[in-house]
Amino acid sequence: MITQRPLATFLDELASSAPTPGGGSAAAIMGAMGAALISMVCNVTIGKKGHEAVEAEMKSVRDESEKLRLRLTSMVAEDIAAFDGLMAAYRLPKAAEEEKSRRACAEVVALSKRAGEKGFAGVISDAGVGVLAANTALRSAALNVYINTPSLKDRAFADAATAEIEKLLDTCARESELVFELVRSRLG
């Protein structure tokens, strides 16, 4: 599986002239990195003296972010398989995978607020990096939606996918900026 290879191999393949991995795979990796950073903030906060009151919430956030990290990581290979199918037939699977990816990235953005508000201050900057990674992943997924929806035969689905991504982009841009400012304010 592509995600079990060394990072350098993935980057070499990404830089090659081969059609996969491409932007969809990179977006899923960025989203998974954002989720991993949120998990790290939670893991450092859990058990930290003075943070007992938020421990249950940090465990909940960590559990959700870990599920998202695993889902986004698996989407790297799914994106490649879907793209290969798309190239063969210009069908729906690629758009369906992008739909899952963009929703998962939006969920990471939402979780980052909870980690940013209550996480241990010594690692709070990582909640900010996590939200930026997730928002970048979402924007990357949006570009893949924009390039692939014109070739879909199901115009109703294509229009719905475009409308959904535009709504998610707007919401997550605002949430991402709020989390960035929240984290910044906690840094002093």
Protein backbone atom coordinates (compact mmCIF):
# COMPACT_ATOMS: atom_id res chain seq x y z
CA MET A 1 0.00 0.00 0.00
CA ILE A 2 1.25 3.46 -0.89
CA THR A 3 0.96 4.84 2.66
CA GLN A 4 3.23 2.09 4.01
CA ARG A 5 6.12 3.12 1.77
CA PRO A 6 8.73 5.65 2.89
CA LEU A 7 7.73 9.29 2.60
CA ALA A 8 10.56 9.91 0.14
CA THR A 9 9.13 7.23 -2.18
CA PHE A 10 5.67 8.80 -2.04
CA LEU A 11 7.15 12.22 -2.83
CA ASP A 12 9.19 10.78 -5.71
CA GLU A 13 6.04 9.19 -7.14
CA LEU A 14 4.11 12.42 -6.61
CA ALA A 15 6.79 14.36 -8.50
CA SER A 16 6.92 11.90 -11.40
CA SER A 17 5.07 12.18 -14.70
CA ALA A 18 2.75 9.32 -13.69
CA PRO A 19 -0.88 10.37 -13.25
CA THR A 20 -1.03 8.88 -9.74
CA PRO A 21 -0.49 9.73 -7.00
CA GLY A 22 -1.67 13.25 -7.64
CA GLY A 23 -3.46 16.14 -5.98
CA GLY A 24 -6.21 14.02 -4.44
CA SER A 25 -3.67 11.79 -2.72
CA ALA A 26 -1.70 14.82 -1.53
CA ALA A 27 -4.90 16.38 -0.16
CA ALA A 28 -5.71 13.20 1.79
CA ILE A 29 -2.18 13.12 3.24
CA MET A 30 -2.46 16.79 4.29
CA GLY A 31 -5.80 16.10 5.94
CA ALA A 32 -4.34 13.07 7.74
CA MET A 33 -1.43 15.22 8.95
CA GLY A 34 -3.88 17.79 10.28
CA ALA A 35 -5.78 15.07 12.15
CA ALA A 36 -2.53 13.63 13.52
CA LEU A 37 -1.54 17.04 14.89
CA ILE A 38 -4.90 17.41 16.61
CA SER A 39 -4.39 13.94 18.14
CA MET A 40 -0.94 14.97 19.34
CA VAL A 41 -2.29 18.08 21.09
CA CYS A 42 -4.87 15.88 22.81
CA ASN A 43 -2.34 13.20 23.78
CA VAL A 44 -0.01 15.77 25.34
CA THR A 45 -2.91 17.42 27.20
CA ILE A 46 -4.32 14.15 28.59
CA GLY A 47 -2.76 13.47 31.98
CA LYS A 48 -1.16 16.92 32.17
CA LYS A 49 -1.41 18.53 35.61
CA GLY A 50 -3.88 21.40 35.61
CA HIS A 51 -5.84 19.97 32.66
CA GLU A 52 -7.90 17.36 34.50
CA ALA A 53 -11.14 19.24 33.75
CA VAL A 54 -10.69 18.90 29.98
CA GLU A 55 -9.29 15.36 29.92
CA ALA A 56 -12.58 13.68 28.93
CA GLU A 57 -13.10 16.14 26.08
CA MET A 58 -9.52 15.76 24.88
CA LYS A 59 -9.98 11.97 24.83
CA SER A 60 -13.15 12.42 22.79
CA VAL A 61 -11.45 14.80 20.34
CA ARG A 62 -8.47 12.43 20.05
CA ASP A 63 -10.72 9.45 19.33
CA GLU A 64 -12.51 11.38 16.59
CA SER A 65 -9.29 12.75 15.10
CA GLU A 66 -7.72 9.29 15.05
CA LYS A 67 -10.72 7.90 13.15
CA LEU A 68 -10.38 10.74 10.66
CA ARG A 69 -6.62 10.22 10.36
CA LEU A 70 -7.14 6.54 9.52
CA ARG A 71 -9.96 7.36 7.09
CA LEU A 72 -7.90 10.03 5.31
CA THR A 73 -4.84 7.77 5.17
CA SER A 74 -6.87 5.01 3.53
CA MET A 75 -8.21 7.57 1.05
CA VAL A 76 -4.72 7.97 -0.45
CA ALA A 77 -4.91 4.50 -2.00
CA GLU A 78 -8.64 4.90 -2.71
CA ASP A 79 -7.93 8.13 -4.59
CA ILE A 80 -5.38 6.38 -6.78
CA ALA A 81 -7.77 3.50 -7.51
CA ALA A 82 -10.61 5.92 -8.24
CA PHE A 83 -8.45 8.03 -10.53
CA ASP A 84 -7.35 4.95 -12.44
CA GLY A 85 -11.02 4.02 -12.86
CA LEU A 86 -11.86 7.57 -13.89
CA MET A 87 -9.19 7.57 -16.55
CA ALA A 88 -10.61 4.34 -17.92
CA ALA A 89 -14.25 5.41 -18.01
CA TYR A 90 -14.79 8.95 -16.63
CA ARG A 91 -17.28 7.61 -14.11
CA LEU A 92 -18.50 8.61 -10.65
CA PRO A 93 -16.00 6.87 -8.29
CA LYS A 94 -13.42 9.67 -8.31
CA ALA A 95 -16.04 12.25 -7.41
CA ALA A 96 -17.43 9.96 -4.71
CA GLU A 97 -13.97 9.57 -3.13
CA GLU A 98 -13.43 13.33 -3.29
CA GLU A 99 -16.76 13.78 -1.51
CA LYS A 100 -15.58 11.59 1.39
CA SER A 101 -12.21 13.33 1.54
CA ARG A 102 -13.57 16.85 1.62
CA ARG A 103 -16.05 16.00 4.39
CA ALA A 104 -13.30 14.35 6.48
CA CYS A 105 -11.08 17.42 6.09
CA ALA A 106 -13.95 19.66 7.20
CA GLU A 107 -14.38 17.46 10.28
CA VAL A 108 -10.69 17.89 11.14
CA VAL A 109 -11.12 21.69 10.90
CA ALA A 110 -14.03 21.46 13.36
CA LEU A 111 -12.07 19.28 15.81
CA SER A 112 -9.12 21.66 15.76
CA LYS A 113 -11.23 24.31 17.48
CA ARG A 114 -11.86 22.06 20.46
CA ALA A 115 -8.19 21.14 20.70
CA GLY A 116 -7.17 24.77 20.25
CA GLU A 117 -9.45 25.99 23.01
CA LYS A 118 -8.57 23.45 25.67
CA GLY A 119 -5.30 21.79 24.69
CA PHE A 120 -2.07 22.15 26.66
CA ALA A 121 -0.50 25.53 25.86
CA GLY A 122 2.95 23.98 25.29
CA VAL A 123 1.74 22.30 22.09
CA ILE A 124 -1.11 24.60 21.14
CA SER A 125 0.69 25.84 18.03
CA ASP A 126 0.23 22.32 16.65
CA ALA A 127 -3.54 22.76 16.80
CA GLY A 128 -3.01 25.81 14.58
CA VAL A 129 -0.83 23.87 12.16
CA GLY A 130 -3.42 21.08 12.18
CA VAL A 131 -6.25 23.41 11.20
CA LEU A 132 -4.13 24.96 8.46
CA ALA A 133 -3.23 21.51 7.09
CA ALA A 134 -6.87 20.42 7.12
CA ASN A 135 -8.08 23.62 5.45
CA THR A 136 -5.35 23.32 2.82
CA ALA A 137 -6.37 19.70 2.25
CA LEU A 138 -9.98 20.78 1.80
CA ARG A 139 -9.00 23.49 -0.68
CA SER A 140 -6.85 20.95 -2.52
CA ALA A 141 -9.78 18.54 -2.68
CA ALA A 142 -11.90 21.40 -4.04
CA LEU A 143 -9.53 21.89 -6.95
CA ASN A 144 -9.89 18.20 -7.74
CA VAL A 145 -13.66 18.57 -7.67
CA TYR A 146 -13.47 21.54 -10.03
CA ILE A 147 -11.26 19.72 -12.52
CA ASN A 148 -13.26 16.46 -12.51
CA THR A 149 -16.91 17.52 -12.31
CA PRO A 150 -17.08 18.95 -15.86
CA SER A 151 -16.46 15.45 -17.27
CA LEU A 152 -19.22 13.78 -15.23
CA LYS A 153 -22.29 12.70 -17.16
CA ASP A 154 -24.49 13.01 -14.07
CA ARG A 155 -24.87 16.80 -14.12
CA ALA A 156 -27.12 16.88 -11.04
CA PHE A 157 -24.41 15.13 -9.03
CA ALA A 158 -21.71 17.39 -10.49
CA ASP A 159 -23.67 20.52 -9.59
CA ALA A 160 -24.42 19.21 -6.09
CA ALA A 161 -20.75 18.34 -5.54
CA THR A 162 -19.68 21.81 -6.63
CA ALA A 163 -22.27 23.49 -4.40
CA GLU A 164 -21.24 21.37 -1.42
CA ILE A 165 -17.54 22.09 -1.83
CA GLU A 166 -18.19 25.81 -2.11
CA LYS A 167 -20.23 25.77 1.10
CA LEU A 168 -17.53 23.74 2.89
CA LEU A 169 -14.81 26.09 1.62
CA ASP A 170 -16.64 29.12 2.97
CA THR A 171 -17.41 27.57 6.36
CA CYS A 172 -13.96 26.05 6.84
CA ALA A 173 -12.13 29.20 5.77
CA ARG A 174 -13.93 31.13 8.49
CA GLU A 175 -13.46 28.37 11.09
CA SER A 176 -9.80 27.94 10.18
CA GLU A 177 -9.14 31.66 10.61
CA LEU A 178 -10.95 31.68 13.95
CA VAL A 179 -8.87 28.72 15.20
CA PHE A 180 -5.67 30.34 13.93
CA GLU A 181 -6.50 33.54 15.85
CA LEU A 182 -7.55 31.55 18.92
CA VAL A 183 -4.25 29.68 18.93
CA ARG A 184 -2.32 32.86 18.32
CA SER A 185 -4.04 34.56 21.25
CA ARG A 186 -3.10 31.64 23.51
CA LEU A 187 0.56 31.97 22.52
CA GLY A 188 0.91 35.26 24.33
